[in-house]
Amino acid sequence: MKPVVDRLEEELGPKGLQVIRLNIQDPAGREIGARLGWEFTPTFIMFDAAGREVWREAGVIDPAAVRKVVAGQ
């Protein structure tokens, strides 16, 4: 998924999309991931500007779905 996420980050970054990658092998990444309730790798979570979760998907993501969520905010 890295190439897809990289493309989305490049395309949607100017529209406010910020990608933060967590390494779940790292203690801090495990802690944050557990706090966010991830169960599978990879898990993608989008938050609005107020920090509310607006979208979550595990596994393969559809770039069109990501674009739609970003456009709706």
C-alpha atoms as a PDB file:
ATOM      1  CA  MET A   1       0.000   0.000   0.000  1.00  0.00           C
ATOM      2  CA  LYS A   2       2.969   2.338   0.388  1.00  0.00           C
ATOM      3  CA  PRO A   3       2.989   3.489  -3.269  1.00  0.00           C
ATOM      4  CA  VAL A   4      -0.767   4.196  -3.134  1.00  0.00           C
ATOM      5  CA  VAL A   5      -0.471   6.129   0.133  1.00  0.00           C
ATOM      6  CA  ASP A   6       2.542   8.048  -1.190  1.00  0.00           C
ATOM      7  CA  ARG A   7       0.563   9.097  -4.294  1.00  0.00           C
ATOM      8  CA  LEU A   8      -2.430  10.147  -2.197  1.00  0.00           C
ATOM      9  CA  GLU A   9      -0.178  12.116   0.131  1.00  0.00           C
ATOM     10  CA  GLU A  10       1.382  13.941  -2.807  1.00  0.00           C
ATOM     11  CA  GLU A  11      -1.982  14.570  -4.488  1.00  0.00           C
ATOM     12  CA  LEU A  12      -4.054  15.482  -1.439  1.00  0.00           C
ATOM     13  CA  GLY A  13      -1.452  17.066   0.828  1.00  0.00           C
ATOM     14  CA  PRO A  14      -2.224  20.565  -0.485  1.00  0.00           C
ATOM     15  CA  LYS A  15      -5.900  19.895   0.355  1.00  0.00           C
ATOM     16  CA  GLY A  16      -5.051  19.172   3.969  1.00  0.00           C
ATOM     17  CA  LEU A  17      -4.258  15.457   4.016  1.00  0.00           C
ATOM     18  CA  GLN A  18      -1.400  14.736   6.389  1.00  0.00           C
ATOM     19  CA  VAL A  19      -0.062  11.176   6.475  1.00  0.00           C
ATOM     20  CA  ILE A  20       1.408   9.924   9.720  1.00  0.00           C
ATOM     21  CA  ARG A  21       2.942   6.478   9.645  1.00  0.00           C
ATOM     22  CA  LEU A  22       3.272   4.406  12.797  1.00  0.00           C
ATOM     23  CA  ASN A  23       5.795   1.634  13.129  1.00  0.00           C
ATOM     24  CA  ILE A  24       3.990  -1.003  15.173  1.00  0.00           C
ATOM     25  CA  GLN A  25       7.322  -2.667  15.925  1.00  0.00           C
ATOM     26  CA  ASP A  26       8.285   0.431  17.896  1.00  0.00           C
ATOM     27  CA  PRO A  27       6.936   0.757  21.484  1.00  0.00           C
ATOM     28  CA  ALA A  28       5.507   4.232  20.819  1.00  0.00           C
ATOM     29  CA  GLY A  29       3.814   2.990  17.634  1.00  0.00           C
ATOM     30  CA  ARG A  30       2.303   0.036  19.498  1.00  0.00           C
ATOM     31  CA  GLU A  31       1.011   2.310  22.244  1.00  0.00           C
ATOM     32  CA  ILE A  32      -0.589   4.801  19.865  1.00  0.00           C
ATOM     33  CA  GLY A  33      -1.982   2.023  17.684  1.00  0.00           C
ATOM     34  CA  ALA A  34      -3.523   0.311  20.693  1.00  0.00           C
ATOM     35  CA  ARG A  35      -5.047   3.600  21.823  1.00  0.00           C
ATOM     36  CA  LEU A  36      -6.585   4.010  18.361  1.00  0.00           C
ATOM     37  CA  GLY A  37      -7.916   0.474  18.418  1.00  0.00           C
ATOM     38  CA  TRP A  38      -6.103  -0.958  15.412  1.00  0.00           C
ATOM     39  CA  GLU A  39      -6.495  -4.680  14.954  1.00  0.00           C
ATOM     40  CA  PHE A  40      -4.952  -5.370  11.564  1.00  0.00           C
ATOM     41  CA  THR A  41      -1.928  -4.184   9.630  1.00  0.00           C
ATOM     42  CA  PRO A  42      -2.178  -1.978   7.746  1.00  0.00           C
ATOM     43  CA  THR A  43      -4.980   0.088   9.258  1.00  0.00           C
ATOM     44  CA  PHE A  44      -5.766   3.514   7.828  1.00  0.00           C
ATOM     45  CA  ILE A  45      -7.610   6.073   9.930  1.00  0.00           C
ATOM     46  CA  MET A  46      -8.633   9.596   8.919  1.00  0.00           C
ATOM     47  CA  PHE A  47      -9.444  12.337  11.384  1.00  0.00           C
ATOM     48  CA  ASP A  48     -11.060  15.693  10.765  1.00  0.00           C
ATOM     49  CA  ALA A  49      -9.467  18.963  11.876  1.00  0.00           C
ATOM     50  CA  ALA A  50     -11.092  18.586  15.315  1.00  0.00           C
ATOM     51  CA  GLY A  51      -9.496  15.174  15.811  1.00  0.00           C
ATOM     52  CA  ARG A  52     -12.670  13.130  15.289  1.00  0.00           C
ATOM     53  CA  GLU A  53     -12.318   9.885  13.392  1.00  0.00           C
ATOM     54  CA  VAL A  54     -14.157  10.140  10.061  1.00  0.00           C
ATOM     55  CA  TRP A  55     -12.938   7.044   8.201  1.00  0.00           C
ATOM     56  CA  ARG A  56     -11.211   3.767   8.925  1.00  0.00           C
ATOM     57  CA  GLU A  57     -10.161   0.880   6.705  1.00  0.00           C
ATOM     58  CA  ALA A  58      -7.915  -2.109   7.227  1.00  0.00           C
ATOM     59  CA  GLY A  59      -5.997  -3.866   4.488  1.00  0.00           C
ATOM     60  CA  VAL A  60      -6.191  -2.597   0.930  1.00  0.00           C
ATOM     61  CA  ILE A  61      -7.670   0.870   0.515  1.00  0.00           C
ATOM     62  CA  ASP A  62      -9.507   2.316  -2.454  1.00  0.00           C
ATOM     63  CA  PRO A  63      -7.879   5.635  -3.407  1.00  0.00           C
ATOM     64  CA  ALA A  64     -11.244   6.907  -4.687  1.00  0.00           C
ATOM     65  CA  ALA A  65     -12.765   6.389  -1.230  1.00  0.00           C
ATOM     66  CA  VAL A  66      -9.941   8.388   0.346  1.00  0.00           C
ATOM     67  CA  ARG A  67     -10.429  11.206  -2.172  1.00  0.00           C
ATOM     68  CA  LYS A  68     -14.163  11.244  -1.433  1.00  0.00           C
ATOM     69  CA  VAL A  69     -13.626  11.518   2.331  1.00  0.00           C
ATOM     70  CA  VAL A  70     -11.058  14.301   1.917  1.00  0.00           C
ATOM     71  CA  ALA A  71     -13.335  16.208  -0.491  1.00  0.00           C
ATOM     72  CA  GLY A  72     -16.257  15.967   1.932  1.00  0.00           C
ATOM     73  CA  GLN A  73     -14.434  17.711   4.747  1.00  0.00           C
END
